[in-house]
């Protein structure tokens, strides 16, 4: 019996997700955070959007109801094919992927997609906690920051996380599920 690459990959992905099922990853939208800067103050907010193009029919059939909560999109076979060929899926991205702000400004990350993502600060970009996607994308080994994430690290569709930047320098963020989703944040002193 011959198995297609996509069936083997989907089985590996399903097995890995089942193994992570105790991580309490939220799959339903929660209310967006209200940690937005007051426009009348000197603080400013820069928002990075976490985007994806999951197809609910194929993603939910493989991983369970609520895995993808958007309309339309790329089916799972197409997604896996893109990740394999392009080392990522273009529809799964942080936008913009580079931001400049100042100490005291608010950095927000809003999940504008249909799947759960993380917006995790990392020392260096690398692999997420999901080995099959690390291998397909060539992201490398799981970075330490993506190991043993608390439930609060997972950003459900429609939710926003935010923080006030208090130190100048460059920061790197990635999704610990889809490790090619990356952004660099440049923070300048006031």
Protein backbone atom coordinates (compact mmCIF):
# COMPACT_ATOMS: atom_id res chain seq x y z
CA UNK A 1 0.00 0.00 0.00
CA UNK A 2 1.43 3.42 -1.01
CA UNK A 3 0.81 6.47 1.11
CA UNK A 4 1.07 9.97 -0.26
CA UNK A 5 3.42 12.45 1.35
CA UNK A 6 0.48 14.56 2.50
CA UNK A 7 -1.18 11.58 4.24
CA UNK A 8 2.05 10.71 6.05
CA UNK A 9 2.55 14.35 7.06
CA UNK A 10 -1.05 14.72 8.20
CA UNK A 11 -0.71 11.59 10.33
CA UNK A 12 2.48 12.99 11.89
CA UNK A 13 0.81 16.35 12.49
CA UNK A 14 -2.26 14.71 14.03
CA UNK A 15 -0.08 12.60 16.31
CA UNK A 16 1.92 15.62 17.44
CA UNK A 17 -1.17 17.71 18.09
CA UNK A 18 -2.78 14.87 20.04
CA UNK A 19 0.38 14.70 22.14
CA UNK A 20 0.09 18.41 22.89
CA UNK A 21 -3.61 18.25 23.74
CA UNK A 22 -2.94 18.75 27.44
CA UNK A 23 -1.40 22.17 26.74
CA UNK A 24 -4.85 23.85 27.09
CA UNK A 25 -4.45 25.68 23.80
CA UNK A 26 -7.53 27.89 23.37
CA UNK A 27 -9.44 27.32 20.16
CA UNK A 28 -12.32 29.72 20.67
CA UNK A 29 -12.08 33.47 20.31
CA UNK A 30 -11.75 35.46 23.48
CA UNK A 31 -12.34 39.13 23.95
CA UNK A 32 -9.48 41.26 22.64
CA UNK A 33 -7.23 42.75 25.28
CA UNK A 34 -7.90 46.34 26.21
CA UNK A 35 -4.21 47.10 26.62
CA UNK A 36 -4.24 49.76 23.94
CA UNK A 37 -2.52 53.09 24.32
CA UNK A 38 -4.61 56.16 25.09
CA UNK A 39 -4.42 58.18 21.88
CA UNK A 40 -4.39 61.44 23.85
CA UNK A 41 -1.25 60.45 25.77
CA UNK A 42 2.33 60.40 24.55
CA UNK A 43 2.13 56.59 24.23
CA UNK A 44 1.61 55.08 20.83
CA UNK A 45 0.54 51.59 19.84
CA UNK A 46 2.04 49.57 17.01
CA UNK A 47 0.02 46.47 16.15
CA UNK A 48 1.36 43.38 14.44
CA UNK A 49 -1.35 41.16 12.98
CA UNK A 50 -1.02 37.38 13.13
CA UNK A 51 -2.52 36.11 9.88
CA UNK A 52 -3.35 32.71 8.45
CA UNK A 53 -5.46 31.26 5.68
CA UNK A 54 -6.66 27.98 7.18
CA UNK A 55 -9.63 26.20 5.63
CA UNK A 56 -12.02 25.13 8.39
CA UNK A 57 -13.32 22.06 6.59
CA UNK A 58 -9.95 20.32 6.12
CA UNK A 59 -8.19 21.64 9.25
CA UNK A 60 -11.11 20.81 11.55
CA UNK A 61 -11.54 17.38 9.95
CA UNK A 62 -7.91 16.55 10.76
CA UNK A 63 -7.42 18.27 14.13
CA UNK A 64 -10.90 18.61 15.58
CA UNK A 65 -13.72 21.16 15.65
CA UNK A 66 -12.65 24.73 16.36
CA UNK A 67 -9.08 24.34 15.09
CA UNK A 68 -9.88 26.82 12.31
CA UNK A 69 -12.64 29.39 12.83
CA UNK A 70 -12.51 31.46 9.64
CA UNK A 71 -14.32 31.25 6.30
CA UNK A 72 -12.63 29.70 3.27
CA UNK A 73 -8.90 29.47 2.91
CA UNK A 74 -6.20 27.00 1.98
CA UNK A 75 -6.94 23.33 2.54
CA UNK A 76 -4.56 21.28 4.67
CA UNK A 77 -2.94 19.48 1.71
CA UNK A 78 -2.18 22.82 0.01
CA UNK A 79 -0.82 24.23 3.29
CA UNK A 80 1.52 21.27 3.80
CA UNK A 81 2.63 21.43 0.18
CA UNK A 82 3.51 25.12 0.52
CA UNK A 83 5.41 24.60 3.77
CA UNK A 84 7.35 21.73 2.18
CA UNK A 85 8.22 23.61 -1.01
CA UNK A 86 8.57 27.19 0.30
CA UNK A 87 9.74 26.48 3.88
CA UNK A 88 6.64 28.28 5.10
CA UNK A 89 3.15 29.19 3.97
CA UNK A 90 2.89 32.81 2.76
CA UNK A 91 -0.63 33.22 4.16
CA UNK A 92 0.66 32.42 7.66
CA UNK A 93 2.62 35.52 8.67
CA UNK A 94 3.08 38.45 11.00
CA UNK A 95 2.18 41.72 9.30
CA UNK A 96 4.18 43.82 9.32
CA UNK A 97 7.24 41.69 9.98
CA UNK A 98 9.35 44.66 11.04
CA UNK A 99 8.28 47.49 13.36
CA UNK A 100 10.04 50.50 14.86
CA UNK A 101 8.80 52.16 18.01
CA UNK A 102 10.12 54.03 21.06
CA UNK A 103 10.54 53.23 24.73
CA UNK A 104 7.12 53.84 26.30
CA UNK A 105 5.18 52.80 23.19
CA UNK A 106 2.84 49.83 23.26
CA UNK A 107 3.55 46.78 21.10
CA UNK A 108 0.36 44.82 20.39
CA UNK A 109 -0.14 41.53 18.55
CA UNK A 110 -3.64 40.82 17.28
CA UNK A 111 -4.69 37.40 15.99
CA UNK A 112 -6.50 38.27 12.76
CA UNK A 113 -6.45 34.65 11.60
CA UNK A 114 -8.57 31.58 12.17
CA UNK A 115 -6.08 29.47 14.15
CA UNK A 116 -4.37 29.83 17.50
CA UNK A 117 -0.89 31.42 17.32
CA UNK A 118 1.77 32.56 19.76
CA UNK A 119 3.64 35.86 19.74
CA UNK A 120 6.71 34.72 21.62
CA UNK A 121 9.83 36.79 22.19
CA UNK A 122 12.91 34.72 21.34
CA UNK A 123 16.64 35.35 21.57
CA UNK A 124 17.16 33.86 18.09
CA UNK A 125 14.68 32.63 15.52
CA UNK A 126 14.37 28.86 15.22
CA UNK A 127 11.94 26.01 15.46
CA UNK A 128 8.66 25.98 17.33
CA UNK A 129 7.35 23.19 19.54
CA UNK A 130 5.70 21.34 16.64
CA UNK A 131 8.42 19.11 15.18
CA UNK A 132 6.66 18.19 11.89
CA UNK A 133 6.35 21.87 10.91
CA UNK A 134 9.95 22.53 12.01
CA UNK A 135 11.10 19.76 9.68
CA UNK A 136 8.93 20.79 6.73
CA UNK A 137 9.87 24.47 7.05
CA UNK A 138 13.55 23.92 7.81
CA UNK A 139 13.17 26.08 10.93
CA UNK A 140 15.60 23.96 12.93
CA UNK A 141 15.48 22.76 16.51
CA UNK A 142 12.89 24.08 18.94
CA UNK A 143 14.13 27.29 20.56
CA UNK A 144 14.11 27.32 24.37
CA UNK A 145 11.46 30.03 24.55
CA UNK A 146 9.00 27.75 22.70
CA UNK A 147 9.37 24.91 25.20
CA UNK A 148 6.85 24.48 28.03
CA UNK A 149 4.71 27.47 27.11
CA UNK A 150 1.99 28.45 29.58
CA UNK A 151 -1.62 28.51 28.37
CA UNK A 152 -1.48 32.32 28.42
CA UNK A 153 1.07 32.25 25.56
CA UNK A 154 -1.56 31.02 23.10
CA UNK A 155 -3.49 33.79 21.34
CA UNK A 156 -6.93 32.72 20.13
CA UNK A 157 -8.45 34.15 16.94
CA UNK A 158 -9.70 37.65 17.61
CA UNK A 159 -7.60 38.14 20.74
CA UNK A 160 -4.87 40.73 21.28
CA UNK A 161 -1.87 40.74 23.59
CA UNK A 162 0.12 43.89 24.34
CA UNK A 163 2.99 45.25 26.38
CA UNK A 164 4.60 48.61 26.96
CA UNK A 165 8.19 48.60 25.75
CA UNK A 166 10.53 49.76 28.51
CA UNK A 167 13.98 49.11 27.08
CA UNK A 168 15.70 50.21 23.86
CA UNK A 169 17.07 47.54 21.52
CA UNK A 170 15.93 44.94 19.03
CA UNK A 171 13.50 42.14 19.88
CA UNK A 172 12.54 39.06 17.89
CA UNK A 173 9.12 37.43 17.99
CA UNK A 174 7.87 34.22 16.39
CA UNK A 175 4.93 31.89 16.47
CA UNK A 176 5.90 28.73 18.34
CA UNK A 177 3.43 26.71 16.26
CA UNK A 178 4.23 28.11 12.79
CA UNK A 179 7.92 29.07 13.21
CA UNK A 180 8.29 30.97 9.91
CA UNK A 181 5.87 33.56 11.31
CA UNK A 182 8.42 36.09 12.57
CA UNK A 183 8.80 39.78 13.33
CA UNK A 184 11.67 42.03 14.38
CA UNK A 185 10.89 44.99 16.62
CA UNK A 186 13.30 47.92 16.84
CA UNK A 187 12.86 49.99 20.00
CA UNK A 188 14.55 53.40 20.09
CA UNK A 189 15.25 55.44 23.21
CA UNK A 190 12.99 58.47 23.65
